[in-house]
């Protein structure tokens, strides 16, 4: 995240079929790399397309962004 904020304080939810409510919530610090249309998690195997991102929360659980 920009502005020197600690990425472990931010959370991101994305569509994950089969999970509770069909979504997973991760800390932004779990993102290893951003690609052209997706991001890769630190496990090196999980690639999430940007269109699956549902919302982003800051450390105070304030909504920073939500998919329309």
C-alpha atoms as a PDB file:
ATOM      1  CA  UNK A   1       0.000   0.000   0.000  1.00  0.00           C
ATOM      2  CA  UNK A   2       1.159   3.506  -0.624  1.00  0.00           C
ATOM      3  CA  UNK A   3       2.053   6.105   1.969  1.00  0.00           C
ATOM      4  CA  UNK A   4       4.334   3.923   4.081  1.00  0.00           C
ATOM      5  CA  UNK A   5       1.425   2.014   5.614  1.00  0.00           C
ATOM      6  CA  UNK A   6       1.976  -1.517   6.896  1.00  0.00           C
ATOM      7  CA  UNK A   7       0.469  -3.907   4.297  1.00  0.00           C
ATOM      8  CA  UNK A   8      -0.290  -6.470   7.002  1.00  0.00           C
ATOM      9  CA  UNK A   9      -2.927  -4.051   8.332  1.00  0.00           C
ATOM     10  CA  UNK A  10      -4.916  -4.066   5.075  1.00  0.00           C
ATOM     11  CA  UNK A  11      -7.285  -6.858   4.060  1.00  0.00           C
ATOM     12  CA  UNK A  12      -8.555  -7.848   0.647  1.00  0.00           C
ATOM     13  CA  UNK A  13     -11.513 -10.110  -0.160  1.00  0.00           C
ATOM     14  CA  UNK A  14     -11.815 -12.042  -3.394  1.00  0.00           C
ATOM     15  CA  UNK A  15     -14.199 -14.570  -4.933  1.00  0.00           C
ATOM     16  CA  UNK A  16     -13.168 -18.129  -4.066  1.00  0.00           C
ATOM     17  CA  UNK A  17     -15.766 -20.704  -5.026  1.00  0.00           C
ATOM     18  CA  UNK A  18     -16.340 -23.314  -2.357  1.00  0.00           C
ATOM     19  CA  UNK A  19     -15.153 -21.148   0.541  1.00  0.00           C
ATOM     20  CA  UNK A  20     -17.570 -19.770   3.141  1.00  0.00           C
ATOM     21  CA  UNK A  21     -19.728 -17.134   1.377  1.00  0.00           C
ATOM     22  CA  UNK A  22     -17.679 -17.920  -1.770  1.00  0.00           C
ATOM     23  CA  UNK A  23     -14.959 -15.521  -0.668  1.00  0.00           C
ATOM     24  CA  UNK A  24     -11.514 -15.486   0.920  1.00  0.00           C
ATOM     25  CA  UNK A  25     -10.087 -12.637   2.961  1.00  0.00           C
ATOM     26  CA  UNK A  26      -6.319 -12.183   3.022  1.00  0.00           C
ATOM     27  CA  UNK A  27      -3.840  -9.649   4.339  1.00  0.00           C
ATOM     28  CA  UNK A  28      -2.403  -7.528   1.548  1.00  0.00           C
ATOM     29  CA  UNK A  29       1.050  -8.573   2.799  1.00  0.00           C
ATOM     30  CA  UNK A  30       0.295 -12.077   1.442  1.00  0.00           C
ATOM     31  CA  UNK A  31       0.580 -10.697  -2.112  1.00  0.00           C
ATOM     32  CA  UNK A  32       3.996 -11.469  -3.576  1.00  0.00           C
ATOM     33  CA  UNK A  33       3.714  -9.928  -7.041  1.00  0.00           C
ATOM     34  CA  UNK A  34       1.346  -7.904  -9.195  1.00  0.00           C
ATOM     35  CA  UNK A  35       0.940  -8.922 -12.805  1.00  0.00           C
ATOM     36  CA  UNK A  36      -0.832  -7.429 -15.794  1.00  0.00           C
ATOM     37  CA  UNK A  37      -4.277  -8.752 -14.867  1.00  0.00           C
ATOM     38  CA  UNK A  38      -3.725 -10.589 -11.613  1.00  0.00           C
ATOM     39  CA  UNK A  39      -1.682 -10.921  -8.439  1.00  0.00           C
ATOM     40  CA  UNK A  40       0.313 -13.854  -7.110  1.00  0.00           C
ATOM     41  CA  UNK A  41       0.206 -14.927  -3.468  1.00  0.00           C
ATOM     42  CA  UNK A  42       3.362 -15.668  -1.475  1.00  0.00           C
ATOM     43  CA  UNK A  43       2.779 -19.425  -1.754  1.00  0.00           C
ATOM     44  CA  UNK A  44       3.937 -19.037  -5.369  1.00  0.00           C
ATOM     45  CA  UNK A  45       1.029 -21.057  -6.719  1.00  0.00           C
ATOM     46  CA  UNK A  46      -2.145 -19.047  -6.198  1.00  0.00           C
ATOM     47  CA  UNK A  47      -2.846 -16.466  -8.883  1.00  0.00           C
ATOM     48  CA  UNK A  48      -5.933 -14.255  -8.426  1.00  0.00           C
ATOM     49  CA  UNK A  49      -7.357 -12.270 -11.372  1.00  0.00           C
ATOM     50  CA  UNK A  50      -8.150  -8.652 -10.479  1.00  0.00           C
ATOM     51  CA  UNK A  51     -11.799  -9.058 -11.543  1.00  0.00           C
ATOM     52  CA  UNK A  52     -12.302 -11.422  -8.562  1.00  0.00           C
ATOM     53  CA  UNK A  53     -11.387  -8.766  -5.961  1.00  0.00           C
ATOM     54  CA  UNK A  54     -14.504  -7.756  -3.992  1.00  0.00           C
ATOM     55  CA  UNK A  55     -13.252  -5.114  -1.544  1.00  0.00           C
ATOM     56  CA  UNK A  56     -10.249  -3.718   0.345  1.00  0.00           C
ATOM     57  CA  UNK A  57     -10.265  -2.671   4.023  1.00  0.00           C
ATOM     58  CA  UNK A  58      -7.706  -0.656   5.979  1.00  0.00           C
ATOM     59  CA  UNK A  59      -6.444  -1.483   9.471  1.00  0.00           C
ATOM     60  CA  UNK A  60      -9.463   0.219  11.048  1.00  0.00           C
ATOM     61  CA  UNK A  61     -11.770  -1.928   8.887  1.00  0.00           C
ATOM     62  CA  UNK A  62     -12.817   1.121   6.880  1.00  0.00           C
ATOM     63  CA  UNK A  63     -13.810   0.339   3.316  1.00  0.00           C
ATOM     64  CA  UNK A  64     -11.215   1.687   0.878  1.00  0.00           C
ATOM     65  CA  UNK A  65     -12.566   0.128  -2.304  1.00  0.00           C
ATOM     66  CA  UNK A  66     -15.513  -2.063  -3.315  1.00  0.00           C
ATOM     67  CA  UNK A  67     -16.295  -3.704  -6.641  1.00  0.00           C
ATOM     68  CA  UNK A  68     -19.353  -2.199  -8.273  1.00  0.00           C
END
